[in-house]
C-alpha atoms as a PDB file:
ATOM      1  CA  MET A   1       0.000   0.000   0.000  1.00  0.00           C
ATOM      2  CA  LYS A   2       0.953   3.640  -0.261  1.00  0.00           C
ATOM      3  CA  VAL A   3       1.115   5.098   3.236  1.00  0.00           C
ATOM      4  CA  LEU A   4       1.327   8.641   4.574  1.00  0.00           C
ATOM      5  CA  VAL A   5       2.885   9.187   8.010  1.00  0.00           C
ATOM      6  CA  THR A   6       2.572  12.515   9.811  1.00  0.00           C
ATOM      7  CA  GLY A   7       5.003  13.236  12.622  1.00  0.00           C
ATOM      8  CA  ALA A   8       7.545  11.107  10.745  1.00  0.00           C
ATOM      9  CA  SER A   9      10.539  13.111  11.982  1.00  0.00           C
ATOM     10  CA  GLY A  10       9.514  12.435  15.579  1.00  0.00           C
ATOM     11  CA  PHE A  11       9.687   9.454  17.897  1.00  0.00           C
ATOM     12  CA  LEU A  12       6.633   7.309  17.144  1.00  0.00           C
ATOM     13  CA  GLY A  13       6.306   8.537  13.561  1.00  0.00           C
ATOM     14  CA  GLY A  14       9.895   7.554  12.833  1.00  0.00           C
ATOM     15  CA  HIS A  15       9.277   4.027  14.070  1.00  0.00           C
ATOM     16  CA  LEU A  16       6.091   3.882  11.997  1.00  0.00           C
ATOM     17  CA  VAL A  17       8.093   4.770   8.886  1.00  0.00           C
ATOM     18  CA  ASP A  18      10.616   2.020   9.603  1.00  0.00           C
ATOM     19  CA  ARG A  19       7.969  -0.651  10.108  1.00  0.00           C
ATOM     20  CA  CYS A  20       5.981   0.369   7.021  1.00  0.00           C
ATOM     21  CA  LEU A  21       9.124   0.133   4.903  1.00  0.00           C
ATOM     22  CA  ALA A  22       9.979  -3.252   6.414  1.00  0.00           C
ATOM     23  CA  GLU A  23       6.543  -4.534   5.417  1.00  0.00           C
ATOM     24  CA  GLY A  24       7.010  -3.381   1.843  1.00  0.00           C
ATOM     25  CA  HIS A  25       4.763  -0.323   1.812  1.00  0.00           C
ATOM     26  CA  GLN A  26       5.524   2.841  -0.135  1.00  0.00           C
ATOM     27  CA  VAL A  27       5.991   5.579   2.444  1.00  0.00           C
ATOM     28  CA  ARG A  28       5.402   9.296   2.175  1.00  0.00           C
ATOM     29  CA  ALA A  29       6.181  11.588   5.117  1.00  0.00           C
ATOM     30  CA  LEU A  30       4.680  15.005   5.789  1.00  0.00           C
ATOM     31  CA  VAL A  31       7.415  17.077   7.456  1.00  0.00           C
ATOM     32  CA  ARG A  32       7.835  20.712   8.403  1.00  0.00           C
ATOM     33  CA  ALA A  33      10.537  22.776   6.753  1.00  0.00           C
ATOM     34  CA  THR A  34      12.168  23.206  10.169  1.00  0.00           C
ATOM     35  CA  SER A  35      12.207  19.477  11.032  1.00  0.00           C
ATOM     36  CA  ASP A  36      15.403  17.453  11.171  1.00  0.00           C
ATOM     37  CA  VAL A  37      14.872  14.981   8.312  1.00  0.00           C
ATOM     38  CA  SER A  38      18.435  13.665   8.066  1.00  0.00           C
ATOM     39  CA  ARG A  39      17.426  10.199   9.267  1.00  0.00           C
ATOM     40  CA  LEU A  40      14.445  10.063   6.895  1.00  0.00           C
ATOM     41  CA  ARG A  41      16.597  11.137   3.945  1.00  0.00           C
ATOM     42  CA  ALA A  42      18.956   8.252   4.669  1.00  0.00           C
ATOM     43  CA  LEU A  43      16.139   5.707   4.334  1.00  0.00           C
ATOM     44  CA  ASP A  44      15.621   4.132   0.949  1.00  0.00           C
ATOM     45  CA  GLY A  45      12.091   4.547  -0.320  1.00  0.00           C
ATOM     46  CA  VAL A  46      10.773   7.480   1.751  1.00  0.00           C
ATOM     47  CA  GLU A  47       9.201  10.372  -0.137  1.00  0.00           C
ATOM     48  CA  LEU A  48       9.213  13.672   1.743  1.00  0.00           C
ATOM     49  CA  VAL A  49       6.508  16.302   1.391  1.00  0.00           C
ATOM     50  CA  HIS A  50       7.345  19.575   3.096  1.00  0.00           C
ATOM     51  CA  GLY A  51       4.388  21.340   4.636  1.00  0.00           C
ATOM     52  CA  SER A  52       2.135  21.286   7.665  1.00  0.00           C
ATOM     53  CA  LEU A  53      -1.359  20.423   8.822  1.00  0.00           C
ATOM     54  CA  GLU A  54      -2.285  24.102   8.424  1.00  0.00           C
ATOM     55  CA  ASP A  55      -1.162  24.222   4.765  1.00  0.00           C
ATOM     56  CA  ALA A  56      -3.960  22.913   2.529  1.00  0.00           C
ATOM     57  CA  ASP A  57      -1.748  22.761  -0.574  1.00  0.00           C
ATOM     58  CA  SER A  58       0.840  20.596   1.183  1.00  0.00           C
ATOM     59  CA  LEU A  59      -1.916  18.311   2.478  1.00  0.00           C
ATOM     60  CA  ARG A  60      -3.224  17.769  -1.045  1.00  0.00           C
ATOM     61  CA  ARG A  61       0.274  16.785  -2.171  1.00  0.00           C
ATOM     62  CA  ALA A  62       0.767  14.562   0.853  1.00  0.00           C
ATOM     63  CA  VAL A  63      -2.422  12.522   0.435  1.00  0.00           C
ATOM     64  CA  ALA A  64      -2.430  12.192  -3.366  1.00  0.00           C
ATOM     65  CA  GLY A  65      -2.673   8.508  -4.256  1.00  0.00           C
ATOM     66  CA  VAL A  66      -2.391   7.364  -0.645  1.00  0.00           C
ATOM     67  CA  ASP A  67      -4.248   4.287   0.632  1.00  0.00           C
ATOM     68  CA  VAL A  68      -3.653   4.706   4.374  1.00  0.00           C
ATOM     69  CA  VAL A  69      -2.920   7.693   6.609  1.00  0.00           C
ATOM     70  CA  HIS A  70      -1.138   7.211   9.948  1.00  0.00           C
ATOM     71  CA  HIS A  71      -1.642  10.506  11.777  1.00  0.00           C
ATOM     72  CA  SER A  72       0.766  10.708  14.710  1.00  0.00           C
ATOM     73  CA  ALA A  73       1.656  14.415  14.619  1.00  0.00           C
ATOM     74  CA  ALA A  74       0.323  16.488  17.528  1.00  0.00           C
ATOM     75  CA  ARG A  75       1.138  19.270  19.927  1.00  0.00           C
ATOM     76  CA  VAL A  76       2.175  17.322  23.029  1.00  0.00           C
ATOM     77  CA  VAL A  77       4.085  19.922  25.063  1.00  0.00           C
ATOM     78  CA  ASP A  78       2.671  21.056  28.402  1.00  0.00           C
ATOM     79  CA  PHE A  79       2.378  24.735  27.543  1.00  0.00           C
ATOM     80  CA  GLY A  80       0.624  26.790  24.887  1.00  0.00           C
ATOM     81  CA  THR A  81      -2.531  28.780  24.270  1.00  0.00           C
ATOM     82  CA  ARG A  82      -5.907  27.295  23.467  1.00  0.00           C
ATOM     83  CA  ALA A  83      -5.530  28.581  19.912  1.00  0.00           C
ATOM     84  CA  GLN A  84      -2.164  26.832  19.514  1.00  0.00           C
ATOM     85  CA  PHE A  85      -3.488  23.493  20.761  1.00  0.00           C
ATOM     86  CA  TRP A  86      -6.721  23.741  18.793  1.00  0.00           C
ATOM     87  CA  ARG A  87      -4.934  24.657  15.567  1.00  0.00           C
ATOM     88  CA  ALA A  88      -2.451  21.779  15.844  1.00  0.00           C
ATOM     89  CA  ASN A  89      -4.558  19.005  17.313  1.00  0.00           C
ATOM     90  CA  VAL A  90      -8.109  19.660  16.133  1.00  0.00           C
ATOM     91  CA  ALA A  91      -8.174  21.925  13.082  1.00  0.00           C
ATOM     92  CA  GLY A  92      -5.095  20.225  11.620  1.00  0.00           C
ATOM     93  CA  THR A  93      -6.637  16.782  12.066  1.00  0.00           C
ATOM     94  CA  GLU A  94      -9.894  17.957  10.464  1.00  0.00           C
ATOM     95  CA  GLN A  95      -8.062  19.316   7.436  1.00  0.00           C
ATOM     96  CA  LEU A  96      -6.064  16.112   7.024  1.00  0.00           C
ATOM     97  CA  LEU A  97      -9.249  14.031   7.329  1.00  0.00           C
ATOM     98  CA  HIS A  98     -10.996  16.000   4.600  1.00  0.00           C
ATOM     99  CA  ALA A  99      -7.963  15.947   2.311  1.00  0.00           C
ATOM    100  CA  ALA A 100      -7.469  12.194   2.748  1.00  0.00           C
ATOM    101  CA  ARG A 101     -11.090  11.365   2.031  1.00  0.00           C
ATOM    102  CA  ARG A 102     -11.223  13.582  -1.052  1.00  0.00           C
ATOM    103  CA  ALA A 103      -8.028  11.918  -2.328  1.00  0.00           C
ATOM    104  CA  GLY A 104      -9.551   8.448  -2.034  1.00  0.00           C
ATOM    105  CA  ALA A 105      -7.697   7.061   0.984  1.00  0.00           C
ATOM    106  CA  HIS A 106      -9.548   4.119   2.496  1.00  0.00           C
ATOM    107  CA  ARG A 107      -8.155   4.068   6.061  1.00  0.00           C
ATOM    108  CA  PHE A 108      -7.261   6.802   8.551  1.00  0.00           C
ATOM    109  CA  VAL A 109      -5.429   5.687  11.709  1.00  0.00           C
ATOM    110  CA  PHE A 110      -5.334   8.391  14.367  1.00  0.00           C
ATOM    111  CA  VAL A 111      -2.841   8.147  17.228  1.00  0.00           C
ATOM    112  CA  SER A 112      -4.901   9.427  20.124  1.00  0.00           C
ATOM    113  CA  SER A 113      -4.196   9.173  23.857  1.00  0.00           C
ATOM    114  CA  PRO A 114      -5.835   7.867  27.037  1.00  0.00           C
ATOM    115  CA  SER A 115      -5.392  11.436  28.269  1.00  0.00           C
ATOM    116  CA  ALA A 116      -8.511  12.237  26.250  1.00  0.00           C
ATOM    117  CA  LEU A 117     -10.476  10.455  28.996  1.00  0.00           C
ATOM    118  CA  MET A 118      -8.682  11.789  32.088  1.00  0.00           C
ATOM    119  CA  ARG A 119     -10.967  13.474  34.593  1.00  0.00           C
ATOM    120  CA  VAL A 120      -9.972  16.474  36.687  1.00  0.00           C
ATOM    121  CA  LYS A 121     -10.763  14.568  39.873  1.00  0.00           C
ATOM    122  CA  ASP A 122     -10.302  10.835  39.778  1.00  0.00           C
ATOM    123  CA  GLY A 123      -8.753   8.059  41.796  1.00  0.00           C
ATOM    124  CA  ASP A 124      -6.962   4.851  40.901  1.00  0.00           C
ATOM    125  CA  ARG A 125      -8.607   2.959  38.041  1.00  0.00           C
ATOM    126  CA  PHE A 126      -7.674  -0.496  36.800  1.00  0.00           C
ATOM    127  CA  ASP A 127      -8.408  -2.254  33.511  1.00  0.00           C
ATOM    128  CA  ILE A 128     -10.242   0.672  31.958  1.00  0.00           C
ATOM    129  CA  ASP A 129     -11.994  -0.283  28.725  1.00  0.00           C
ATOM    130  CA  GLU A 130     -13.536   1.583  25.815  1.00  0.00           C
ATOM    131  CA  SER A 131     -16.922   1.960  27.520  1.00  0.00           C
ATOM    132  CA  THR A 132     -15.377   4.794  29.561  1.00  0.00           C
ATOM    133  CA  PRO A 133     -17.007   8.097  28.495  1.00  0.00           C
ATOM    134  CA  TYR A 134     -15.303  11.390  27.762  1.00  0.00           C
ATOM    135  CA  PRO A 135     -15.187  13.658  30.827  1.00  0.00           C
ATOM    136  CA  ASP A 136     -17.184  16.848  31.174  1.00  0.00           C
ATOM    137  CA  ARG A 137     -14.037  18.716  32.256  1.00  0.00           C
ATOM    138  CA  PHE A 138     -10.472  18.106  31.123  1.00  0.00           C
ATOM    139  CA  LEU A 139      -7.204  18.320  33.008  1.00  0.00           C
ATOM    140  CA  ASN A 140      -5.460  20.445  30.386  1.00  0.00           C
ATOM    141  CA  LEU A 141      -5.619  21.682  26.806  1.00  0.00           C
ATOM    142  CA  TYR A 142      -3.773  18.650  25.476  1.00  0.00           C
ATOM    143  CA  SER A 143      -6.402  16.290  26.904  1.00  0.00           C
ATOM    144  CA  GLU A 144      -9.255  18.469  25.701  1.00  0.00           C
ATOM    145  CA  THR A 145      -7.979  18.834  22.146  1.00  0.00           C
ATOM    146  CA  LYS A 146      -6.998  15.168  21.767  1.00  0.00           C
ATOM    147  CA  ALA A 147     -10.550  14.245  22.776  1.00  0.00           C
ATOM    148  CA  ALA A 148     -12.017  16.750  20.334  1.00  0.00           C
ATOM    149  CA  ALA A 149      -9.812  15.477  17.505  1.00  0.00           C
ATOM    150  CA  GLU A 150     -10.586  11.835  18.316  1.00  0.00           C
ATOM    151  CA  ARG A 151     -14.327  12.472  18.198  1.00  0.00           C
ATOM    152  CA  ARG A 152     -13.998  14.123  14.807  1.00  0.00           C
ATOM    153  CA  VAL A 153     -11.931  11.249  13.452  1.00  0.00           C
ATOM    154  CA  LEU A 154     -14.442   8.637  14.583  1.00  0.00           C
ATOM    155  CA  ALA A 155     -17.387  10.650  13.253  1.00  0.00           C
ATOM    156  CA  ALA A 156     -15.757  11.022   9.831  1.00  0.00           C
ATOM    157  CA  GLY A 157     -15.805   7.319   9.075  1.00  0.00           C
ATOM    158  CA  ALA A 158     -17.718   5.958   6.096  1.00  0.00           C
ATOM    159  CA  PRO A 159     -17.981   2.604   4.279  1.00  0.00           C
ATOM    160  CA  ASP A 160     -15.248   3.684   1.864  1.00  0.00           C
ATOM    161  CA  PHE A 161     -13.199   5.602   4.447  1.00  0.00           C
ATOM    162  CA  GLY A 162     -12.582   3.666   7.653  1.00  0.00           C
ATOM    163  CA  THR A 163     -11.382   5.739  10.582  1.00  0.00           C
ATOM    164  CA  VAL A 164      -9.938   4.340  13.792  1.00  0.00           C
ATOM    165  CA  ALA A 165      -8.330   5.892  16.886  1.00  0.00           C
ATOM    166  CA  LEU A 166      -5.650   4.179  18.956  1.00  0.00           C
ATOM    167  CA  ARG A 167      -4.866   5.216  22.530  1.00  0.00           C
ATOM    168  CA  PRO A 168      -1.353   4.051  23.485  1.00  0.00           C
ATOM    169  CA  ARG A 169      -0.393   4.977  27.039  1.00  0.00           C
ATOM    170  CA  GLY A 170       3.078   6.330  27.875  1.00  0.00           C
ATOM    171  CA  ILE A 171       4.941   5.447  24.667  1.00  0.00           C
ATOM    172  CA  TRP A 172       8.590   4.640  25.385  1.00  0.00           C
ATOM    173  CA  GLY A 173      11.606   3.115  23.675  1.00  0.00           C
ATOM    174  CA  PRO A 174      14.687   3.922  21.579  1.00  0.00           C
ATOM    175  CA  ARG A 175      15.087   7.242  19.748  1.00  0.00           C
ATOM    176  CA  ASP A 176      12.895   9.202  22.147  1.00  0.00           C
ATOM    177  CA  HIS A 177      14.641  12.515  22.822  1.00  0.00           C
ATOM    178  CA  SER A 178      11.864  14.643  24.292  1.00  0.00           C
ATOM    179  CA  GLY A 179       9.035  12.455  25.615  1.00  0.00           C
ATOM    180  CA  PHE A 180       8.077  11.658  29.180  1.00  0.00           C
ATOM    181  CA  LEU A 181      10.862   9.113  29.739  1.00  0.00           C
ATOM    182  CA  PRO A 182      13.888  11.272  28.854  1.00  0.00           C
ATOM    183  CA  ARG A 183      12.335  14.131  30.824  1.00  0.00           C
ATOM    184  CA  LEU A 184      12.059  11.991  33.928  1.00  0.00           C
ATOM    185  CA  VAL A 185      15.555  10.579  33.415  1.00  0.00           C
ATOM    186  CA  ALA A 186      16.891  14.126  33.030  1.00  0.00           C
ATOM    187  CA  GLY A 187      15.218  15.070  36.307  1.00  0.00           C
ATOM    188  CA  MET A 188      16.763  12.092  38.101  1.00  0.00           C
ATOM    189  CA  ARG A 189      20.211  12.748  36.643  1.00  0.00           C
ATOM    190  CA  ALA A 190      19.966  16.303  37.972  1.00  0.00           C
ATOM    191  CA  GLY A 191      18.759  15.016  41.346  1.00  0.00           C
ATOM    192  CA  ARG A 192      15.605  17.123  41.172  1.00  0.00           C
ATOM    193  CA  LEU A 193      12.789  14.611  40.728  1.00  0.00           C
ATOM    194  CA  PRO A 194      11.005  14.221  44.089  1.00  0.00           C
ATOM    195  CA  ASP A 195       8.775  11.330  45.021  1.00  0.00           C
ATOM    196  CA  LEU A 196       5.472  12.909  44.030  1.00  0.00           C
ATOM    197  CA  ALA A 197       3.597   9.759  45.039  1.00  0.00           C
ATOM    198  CA  ALA A 198       4.961  10.084  48.609  1.00  0.00           C
ATOM    199  CA  GLY A 199       5.655   6.366  48.832  1.00  0.00           C
ATOM    200  CA  LYS A 200       2.336   5.240  47.337  1.00  0.00           C
ATOM    201  CA  ARG A 201       2.526   2.302  44.921  1.00  0.00           C
ATOM    202  CA  VAL A 202       1.399   3.542  41.507  1.00  0.00           C
ATOM    203  CA  GLU A 203       0.589   0.872  38.926  1.00  0.00           C
ATOM    204  CA  VAL A 204       0.289   1.958  35.309  1.00  0.00           C
ATOM    205  CA  SER A 205       0.093   0.708  31.764  1.00  0.00           C
ATOM    206  CA  LEU A 206       2.899   1.812  29.434  1.00  0.00           C
ATOM    207  CA  CYS A 207       3.313   1.147  25.712  1.00  0.00           C
ATOM    208  CA  HIS A 208       6.612   0.317  24.043  1.00  0.00           C
ATOM    209  CA  CYS A 209       6.992   1.972  20.640  1.00  0.00           C
ATOM    210  CA  ASP A 210       7.137  -1.432  18.902  1.00  0.00           C
ATOM    211  CA  ASN A 211       3.742  -2.304  20.340  1.00  0.00           C
ATOM    212  CA  ALA A 212       2.190   1.027  19.377  1.00  0.00           C
ATOM    213  CA  VAL A 213       3.495   0.652  15.817  1.00  0.00           C
ATOM    214  CA  ALA A 214       2.245  -2.940  15.556  1.00  0.00           C
ATOM    215  CA  ALA A 215      -1.205  -1.758  16.616  1.00  0.00           C
ATOM    216  CA  CYS A 216      -1.206   0.991  13.980  1.00  0.00           C
ATOM    217  CA  LEU A 217      -0.373  -1.407  11.164  1.00  0.00           C
ATOM    218  CA  ARG A 218      -2.834  -4.053  12.305  1.00  0.00           C
ATOM    219  CA  ALA A 219      -5.611  -1.470  12.599  1.00  0.00           C
ATOM    220  CA  ALA A 220      -4.776  -0.201   9.111  1.00  0.00           C
ATOM    221  CA  ALA A 221      -5.141  -3.693   7.635  1.00  0.00           C
ATOM    222  CA  ALA A 222      -8.225  -4.841   9.573  1.00  0.00           C
ATOM    223  CA  PRO A 223     -11.654  -5.037   7.879  1.00  0.00           C
ATOM    224  CA  ALA A 224     -13.422  -1.692   8.032  1.00  0.00           C
ATOM    225  CA  GLU A 225     -16.586  -3.219   9.427  1.00  0.00           C
ATOM    226  CA  ARG A 226     -14.638  -4.343  12.488  1.00  0.00           C
ATOM    227  CA  VAL A 227     -12.659  -1.243  13.382  1.00  0.00           C
ATOM    228  CA  GLY A 228     -14.305   1.665  11.564  1.00  0.00           C
ATOM    229  CA  GLY A 229     -15.427   4.481  13.858  1.00  0.00           C
ATOM    230  CA  ARG A 230     -13.939   2.875  16.970  1.00  0.00           C
ATOM    231  CA  ALA A 231     -11.265   3.772  19.525  1.00  0.00           C
ATOM    232  CA  TYR A 232      -8.952   1.257  21.197  1.00  0.00           C
ATOM    233  CA  PHE A 233      -6.597   1.245  24.168  1.00  0.00           C
ATOM    234  CA  ILE A 234      -3.099  -0.040  23.355  1.00  0.00           C
ATOM    235  CA  ALA A 235      -0.601  -1.023  26.060  1.00  0.00           C
ATOM    236  CA  ASP A 236       2.212  -3.366  26.998  1.00  0.00           C
ATOM    237  CA  ARG A 237       1.353  -6.689  28.560  1.00  0.00           C
ATOM    238  CA  GLU A 238       2.917  -5.749  31.905  1.00  0.00           C
ATOM    239  CA  ARG A 239       1.334  -3.730  34.677  1.00  0.00           C
ATOM    240  CA  THR A 240       4.212  -1.495  35.804  1.00  0.00           C
ATOM    241  CA  ASP A 241       5.068  -0.269  39.287  1.00  0.00           C
ATOM    242  CA  LEU A 242       5.860   3.228  38.036  1.00  0.00           C
ATOM    243  CA  TRP A 243       8.169   4.510  40.773  1.00  0.00           C
ATOM    244  CA  ALA A 244      10.109   1.249  40.955  1.00  0.00           C
ATOM    245  CA  PHE A 245      10.491   1.486  37.175  1.00  0.00           C
ATOM    246  CA  LEU A 246      11.833   5.032  37.509  1.00  0.00           C
ATOM    247  CA  ALA A 247      14.294   3.933  40.199  1.00  0.00           C
ATOM    248  CA  ARG A 248      15.537   1.213  37.835  1.00  0.00           C
ATOM    249  CA  LEU A 249      16.012   3.769  35.050  1.00  0.00           C
ATOM    250  CA  ALA A 250      17.948   5.990  37.459  1.00  0.00           C
ATOM    251  CA  GLY A 251      20.323   3.109  38.089  1.00  0.00           C
ATOM    252  CA  MET A 252      20.697   2.388  34.381  1.00  0.00           C
ATOM    253  CA  PHE A 253      21.386   5.968  33.340  1.00  0.00           C
ATOM    254  CA  GLY A 254      23.319   7.548  36.194  1.00  0.00           C
ATOM    255  CA  GLY A 255      20.535   9.280  38.076  1.00  0.00           C
ATOM    256  CA  LEU A 256      19.307   9.442  41.652  1.00  0.00           C
ATOM    257  CA  PRO A 257      16.108   7.528  42.434  1.00  0.00           C
ATOM    258  CA  PRO A 258      13.298   9.770  43.646  1.00  0.00           C
ATOM    259  CA  THR A 259      13.429   9.603  47.449  1.00  0.00           C
ATOM    260  CA  ARG A 260      12.311  13.045  48.692  1.00  0.00           C
ATOM    261  CA  PRO A 261       8.552  12.749  49.218  1.00  0.00           C
ATOM    262  CA  ILE A 262       6.316  15.766  48.889  1.00  0.00           C
ATOM    263  CA  PRO A 263       3.190  15.513  51.078  1.00  0.00           C
ATOM    264  CA  PRO A 264       0.163  15.220  48.766  1.00  0.00           C
ATOM    265  CA  PRO A 265      -1.595  18.365  50.110  1.00  0.00           C
ATOM    266  CA  VAL A 266       1.542  20.420  49.459  1.00  0.00           C
ATOM    267  CA  ARG A 267       2.088  18.791  46.052  1.00  0.00           C
ATOM    268  CA  ASP A 268      -1.498  19.427  44.974  1.00  0.00           C
ATOM    269  CA  ALA A 269      -1.442  23.028  46.183  1.00  0.00           C
ATOM    270  CA  LEU A 270       1.785  23.696  44.277  1.00  0.00           C
ATOM    271  CA  ALA A 271       0.407  22.149  41.085  1.00  0.00           C
ATOM    272  CA  ALA A 272      -2.815  24.156  41.339  1.00  0.00           C
ATOM    273  CA  ALA A 273      -0.851  27.360  41.923  1.00  0.00           C
ATOM    274  CA  VAL A 274       1.370  26.706  38.893  1.00  0.00           C
ATOM    275  CA  ASP A 275      -1.654  25.956  36.706  1.00  0.00           C
ATOM    276  CA  HIS A 276      -3.216  29.240  37.795  1.00  0.00           C
ATOM    277  CA  LEU A 277       0.001  31.205  37.244  1.00  0.00           C
ATOM    278  CA  TRP A 278       0.462  29.677  33.791  1.00  0.00           C
ATOM    279  CA  LYS A 279      -2.794  31.229  32.641  1.00  0.00           C
ATOM    280  CA  LEU A 280      -0.774  34.421  32.178  1.00  0.00           C
ATOM    281  CA  PRO A 281      -0.178  34.815  28.403  1.00  0.00           C
ATOM    282  CA  PRO A 282       3.620  35.358  28.501  1.00  0.00           C
ATOM    283  CA  LEU A 283       4.127  32.104  30.402  1.00  0.00           C
ATOM    284  CA  ARG A 284       1.352  30.050  28.850  1.00  0.00           C
ATOM    285  CA  ALA A 285       2.487  30.597  25.273  1.00  0.00           C
ATOM    286  CA  ARG A 286       6.212  29.965  25.572  1.00  0.00           C
ATOM    287  CA  VAL A 287       7.451  28.424  28.851  1.00  0.00           C
ATOM    288  CA  ALA A 288       7.114  24.871  30.161  1.00  0.00           C
ATOM    289  CA  PRO A 289       5.729  24.834  33.743  1.00  0.00           C
ATOM    290  CA  PRO A 290       7.730  23.073  36.467  1.00  0.00           C
ATOM    291  CA  LEU A 291       4.709  21.109  37.724  1.00  0.00           C
ATOM    292  CA  THR A 292       1.070  20.748  36.699  1.00  0.00           C
ATOM    293  CA  ARG A 293      -2.023  18.907  37.894  1.00  0.00           C
ATOM    294  CA  TYR A 294      -1.780  16.837  34.715  1.00  0.00           C
ATOM    295  CA  THR A 295       1.777  15.731  35.538  1.00  0.00           C
ATOM    296  CA  VAL A 296       0.761  14.922  39.099  1.00  0.00           C
ATOM    297  CA  ALA A 297      -2.148  12.831  37.824  1.00  0.00           C
ATOM    298  CA  LEU A 298       0.064  10.873  35.436  1.00  0.00           C
ATOM    299  CA  LEU A 299       2.632  10.123  38.140  1.00  0.00           C
ATOM    300  CA  THR A 300       0.392   9.480  41.143  1.00  0.00           C
ATOM    301  CA  ARG A 301      -2.771   7.782  39.858  1.00  0.00           C
ATOM    302  CA  SER A 302      -2.760   4.045  39.253  1.00  0.00           C
ATOM    303  CA  THR A 303      -4.220   3.658  35.765  1.00  0.00           C
ATOM    304  CA  THR A 304      -4.207   0.515  33.658  1.00  0.00           C
ATOM    305  CA  TYR A 305      -6.007  -0.360  30.425  1.00  0.00           C
ATOM    306  CA  ASP A 306      -7.772  -3.403  29.046  1.00  0.00           C
ATOM    307  CA  THR A 307      -6.591  -4.112  25.478  1.00  0.00           C
ATOM    308  CA  GLY A 308      -9.050  -6.943  24.895  1.00  0.00           C
ATOM    309  CA  ALA A 309     -11.030  -5.023  22.276  1.00  0.00           C
ATOM    310  CA  ALA A 310      -7.919  -4.447  20.168  1.00  0.00           C
ATOM    311  CA  ALA A 311      -7.010  -8.128  20.450  1.00  0.00           C
ATOM    312  CA  ARG A 312     -10.522  -9.159  19.416  1.00  0.00           C
ATOM    313  CA  ASP A 313     -11.035  -6.741  16.525  1.00  0.00           C
ATOM    314  CA  PHE A 314      -7.613  -6.641  14.858  1.00  0.00           C
ATOM    315  CA  GLY A 315      -5.439  -9.192  16.595  1.00  0.00           C
ATOM    316  CA  TYR A 316      -3.335  -6.859  18.708  1.00  0.00           C
ATOM    317  CA  THR A 317      -0.785  -8.593  20.915  1.00  0.00           C
ATOM    318  CA  PRO A 318       2.203  -6.844  22.521  1.00  0.00           C
ATOM    319  CA  GLN A 319       5.299  -7.824  20.537  1.00  0.00           C
ATOM    320  CA  THR A 320       7.984  -6.401  22.826  1.00  0.00           C
ATOM    321  CA  ASP A 321       8.031  -7.179  26.546  1.00  0.00           C
ATOM    322  CA  GLN A 322       9.395  -4.737  29.078  1.00  0.00           C
ATOM    323  CA  GLU A 323      12.710  -6.516  29.695  1.00  0.00           C
ATOM    324  CA  THR A 324      13.463  -6.649  25.961  1.00  0.00           C
ATOM    325  CA  GLY A 325      12.431  -3.023  25.635  1.00  0.00           C
ATOM    326  CA  LEU A 326      14.780  -1.968  28.420  1.00  0.00           C
ATOM    327  CA  ARG A 327      17.680  -3.786  26.757  1.00  0.00           C
ATOM    328  CA  GLN A 328      16.860  -2.034  23.467  1.00  0.00           C
ATOM    329  CA  LEU A 329      16.705   1.318  25.244  1.00  0.00           C
ATOM    330  CA  ALA A 330      20.051   0.792  26.976  1.00  0.00           C
ATOM    331  CA  ALA A 331      21.713  -0.232  23.707  1.00  0.00           C
ATOM    332  CA  TRP A 332      20.352   2.819  21.905  1.00  0.00           C
ATOM    333  CA  VAL A 333      21.396   5.199  24.688  1.00  0.00           C
ATOM    334  CA  GLU A 334      24.911   3.774  24.507  1.00  0.00           C
ATOM    335  CA  SER A 335      25.021   4.131  20.718  1.00  0.00           C
ATOM    336  CA  ALA A 336      23.708   7.698  20.965  1.00  0.00           C
ATOM    337  CA  GLY A 337      26.589   8.781  23.182  1.00  0.00           C
ATOM    338  CA  GLY A 338      25.422   7.749  26.633  1.00  0.00           C
ATOM    339  CA  PRO A 339      22.834   9.151  29.067  1.00  0.00           C
ATOM    340  CA  GLU A 340      24.020  12.732  28.629  1.00  0.00           C
ATOM    341  CA  ALA A 341      23.162  12.663  24.930  1.00  0.00           C
ATOM    342  CA  PHE A 342      19.868  10.904  25.708  1.00  0.00           C
ATOM    343  CA  VAL A 343      18.554  13.751  27.839  1.00  0.00           C
ATOM    344  CA  ARG A 344      20.275  16.731  26.224  1.00  0.00           C
ATOM    345  CA  ALA A 345      17.310  17.649  24.028  1.00  0.00           C
ATOM    346  CA  VAL A 346      14.936  18.090  26.965  1.00  0.00           C
ATOM    347  CA  ARG A 347      16.909  20.873  28.606  1.00  0.00           C
END
């Protein structure tokens, strides 16, 4: 098939490109003029289209003759105005949807997020499935706009244009320079990541990049009547003790395990104060906050996902287990120049 990948110069998108090529697909990548495309240029068989989700002409070029769209590009940083998030995550997705359908694509795979279902106030939740509704209030603009984009993707489906949304949780693995894992490792290497859970055991689902990519390709190939207009949770097989996992990463990459607990009332008050302060336009538009309620929720709530629907409808099974993934990560960090190079981009 002829496949378009957005976000191809990034972490998950780059792995999607590799896997599509390995399976014999023709690959086209939509990339910004400012993106580092040196790795993509070195791959045999990748066609680059320079443009953006806001540029209708570039979208028409990107989707021409394409069978499948894998849409992984998004604004995922923890700062920005509502207009910035809406333009990148919602309006951009809508424009790509319309362009792909007009061009005759038959499948649109949207990389969504479980964050689209996170409530402002919630406790530990285990084995969440797809019956979980969208919340009335969202923790942040990322969650809100991913939910809005997901709903538009699912509503756009038609018999000749199958749309599906995948919700991988906490994607991790080699070649990640700016996601949640290198950020946490950077904090531990600097000795400034406290124990936000204050000793509480936090069990979570994570998703190795290999498993997220496998889900994307399986969803793209599944019969439309099975997956069209549906969303699916995607996760590793393991249920992970998050803070023990972070302590292990600290040992692997020269950091200090989080040991300084912050009492939850103090932690929550600080996060609320930062969220309020970051409503000021100069900060909100350009500066990453040191702590947010969203970050606290991710690191202190036990949250695991049931991937049974994905297994049933398109045969999803995790391909890479956590131990193999950690060995891959360590090997890549070493090849990239060691832990210092791994976390340099997040500073």
